[in-house]
Amino acid sequence: MVRISFSGREIASVLRGHCFRPVRRTGSHLKLRYGHPETDQIRVVPVPMGPADDIPTGTLQSIACQCGAEDFHARCEWIDANR
């Protein structure tokens, strides 16, 4: 079974470890930026960093989509393996 509940801190930590860099923090959201070295494609992903509660599934799906994931469950497996 694929784990599909993560805190904002877990997601931000994994993304930072994979070339996403913090841009700014606005309220309870941290914005992370990724620039692809070959295509110059830029991705900016906001991650809610509120209390240690898990992020709702719909929000997690949106974050995965903004990161370029085509398969949500595969992205959740990747987050779980890299946290």
C-alpha atoms as a PDB file:
ATOM      1  CA  MET A   1       0.000   0.000   0.000  1.00  0.00           C
ATOM      2  CA  VAL A   2       1.290   3.414  -0.946  1.00  0.00           C
ATOM      3  CA  ARG A   3       1.543   5.989   1.821  1.00  0.00           C
ATOM      4  CA  ILE A   4      -0.283   9.164   0.736  1.00  0.00           C
ATOM      5  CA  SER A   5      -0.082  11.310   3.869  1.00  0.00           C
ATOM      6  CA  PHE A   6       2.897  13.561   4.491  1.00  0.00           C
ATOM      7  CA  SER A   7       3.553  16.733   6.435  1.00  0.00           C
ATOM      8  CA  GLY A   8       4.704  19.898   4.707  1.00  0.00           C
ATOM      9  CA  ARG A   9       8.091  19.558   6.396  1.00  0.00           C
ATOM     10  CA  GLU A  10       8.578  16.060   4.946  1.00  0.00           C
ATOM     11  CA  ILE A  11       7.700  17.229   1.438  1.00  0.00           C
ATOM     12  CA  ALA A  12       9.861  20.364   1.636  1.00  0.00           C
ATOM     13  CA  SER A  13      12.789  18.319   2.951  1.00  0.00           C
ATOM     14  CA  VAL A  14      12.574  15.825   0.085  1.00  0.00           C
ATOM     15  CA  LEU A  15      12.225  18.556  -2.546  1.00  0.00           C
ATOM     16  CA  ARG A  16      15.195  20.497  -1.096  1.00  0.00           C
ATOM     17  CA  GLY A  17      17.257  17.336  -1.372  1.00  0.00           C
ATOM     18  CA  HIS A  18      16.401  17.170  -5.084  1.00  0.00           C
ATOM     19  CA  CYS A  19      17.442  20.613  -6.323  1.00  0.00           C
ATOM     20  CA  PHE A  20      14.382  22.625  -5.248  1.00  0.00           C
ATOM     21  CA  ARG A  21      15.549  25.788  -3.478  1.00  0.00           C
ATOM     22  CA  PRO A  22      13.525  27.903  -1.031  1.00  0.00           C
ATOM     23  CA  VAL A  23      12.492  31.206  -2.601  1.00  0.00           C
ATOM     24  CA  ARG A  24      10.384  32.763   0.148  1.00  0.00           C
ATOM     25  CA  ARG A  25       8.000  32.034   2.928  1.00  0.00           C
ATOM     26  CA  THR A  26       4.618  33.746   2.877  1.00  0.00           C
ATOM     27  CA  GLY A  27       2.434  33.085   5.887  1.00  0.00           C
ATOM     28  CA  SER A  28       2.319  29.351   6.392  1.00  0.00           C
ATOM     29  CA  HIS A  29       3.546  28.470   2.878  1.00  0.00           C
ATOM     30  CA  LEU A  30       7.096  27.887   1.704  1.00  0.00           C
ATOM     31  CA  LYS A  31       7.737  28.474  -1.997  1.00  0.00           C
ATOM     32  CA  LEU A  32      10.362  26.219  -3.554  1.00  0.00           C
ATOM     33  CA  ARG A  33      11.880  26.807  -6.996  1.00  0.00           C
ATOM     34  CA  TYR A  34      13.452  24.357  -9.433  1.00  0.00           C
ATOM     35  CA  GLY A  35      15.281  25.337 -12.600  1.00  0.00           C
ATOM     36  CA  HIS A  36      15.934  22.500 -15.044  1.00  0.00           C
ATOM     37  CA  PRO A  37      19.597  22.719 -16.098  1.00  0.00           C
ATOM     38  CA  GLU A  38      19.046  21.606 -19.705  1.00  0.00           C
ATOM     39  CA  THR A  39      15.687  23.089 -20.692  1.00  0.00           C
ATOM     40  CA  ASP A  40      15.658  26.209 -18.461  1.00  0.00           C
ATOM     41  CA  GLN A  41      12.145  25.215 -17.362  1.00  0.00           C
ATOM     42  CA  ILE A  42      11.249  26.811 -14.016  1.00  0.00           C
ATOM     43  CA  ARG A  43       8.871  25.263 -11.490  1.00  0.00           C
ATOM     44  CA  VAL A  44       7.680  27.129  -8.389  1.00  0.00           C
ATOM     45  CA  VAL A  45       5.885  24.926  -5.871  1.00  0.00           C
ATOM     46  CA  PRO A  46       4.140  26.272  -2.745  1.00  0.00           C
ATOM     47  CA  VAL A  47       4.132  23.831   0.181  1.00  0.00           C
ATOM     48  CA  PRO A  48       1.929  24.422   3.256  1.00  0.00           C
ATOM     49  CA  MET A  49       4.134  24.405   6.365  1.00  0.00           C
ATOM     50  CA  GLY A  50       1.521  24.700   9.107  1.00  0.00           C
ATOM     51  CA  PRO A  51       1.516  22.515  12.201  1.00  0.00           C
ATOM     52  CA  ALA A  52       2.767  18.943  11.848  1.00  0.00           C
ATOM     53  CA  ASP A  53      -0.595  17.845  10.432  1.00  0.00           C
ATOM     54  CA  ASP A  54      -0.665  15.873   7.219  1.00  0.00           C
ATOM     55  CA  ILE A  55      -1.414  17.717   3.996  1.00  0.00           C
ATOM     56  CA  PRO A  56      -4.845  16.897   2.484  1.00  0.00           C
ATOM     57  CA  THR A  57      -4.692  14.442  -0.430  1.00  0.00           C
ATOM     58  CA  GLY A  58      -5.968  16.990  -2.972  1.00  0.00           C
ATOM     59  CA  THR A  59      -3.253  19.471  -1.988  1.00  0.00           C
ATOM     60  CA  LEU A  60      -0.640  16.737  -2.164  1.00  0.00           C
ATOM     61  CA  GLN A  61      -1.860  15.816  -5.661  1.00  0.00           C
ATOM     62  CA  SER A  62      -1.555  19.470  -6.687  1.00  0.00           C
ATOM     63  CA  ILE A  63       2.012  19.655  -5.328  1.00  0.00           C
ATOM     64  CA  ALA A  64       2.933  16.462  -7.214  1.00  0.00           C
ATOM     65  CA  CYS A  65       1.454  17.871 -10.433  1.00  0.00           C
ATOM     66  CA  GLN A  66       3.339  21.172 -10.011  1.00  0.00           C
ATOM     67  CA  CYS A  67       6.556  19.169  -9.544  1.00  0.00           C
ATOM     68  CA  GLY A  68       5.960  17.456 -12.872  1.00  0.00           C
ATOM     69  CA  ALA A  69       4.699  14.082 -11.662  1.00  0.00           C
ATOM     70  CA  GLU A  70       2.533  12.135 -14.059  1.00  0.00           C
ATOM     71  CA  ASP A  71       1.692   9.331 -11.612  1.00  0.00           C
ATOM     72  CA  PHE A  72       0.540  10.474  -8.156  1.00  0.00           C
ATOM     73  CA  HIS A  73       1.124   7.132  -6.430  1.00  0.00           C
ATOM     74  CA  ALA A  74       4.612   6.816  -7.913  1.00  0.00           C
ATOM     75  CA  ARG A  75       5.392  10.315  -6.597  1.00  0.00           C
ATOM     76  CA  CYS A  76       4.144   9.335  -3.125  1.00  0.00           C
ATOM     77  CA  GLU A  77       6.384   6.257  -3.181  1.00  0.00           C
ATOM     78  CA  TRP A  78       9.297   8.506  -4.212  1.00  0.00           C
ATOM     79  CA  ILE A  79       8.607  10.966  -1.354  1.00  0.00           C
ATOM     80  CA  ASP A  80       8.341   8.119   1.157  1.00  0.00           C
ATOM     81  CA  ALA A  81      11.604   6.554  -0.047  1.00  0.00           C
ATOM     82  CA  ASN A  82      13.507   9.870   0.062  1.00  0.00           C
ATOM     83  CA  ARG A  83      12.251  11.465   3.283  1.00  0.00           C
END
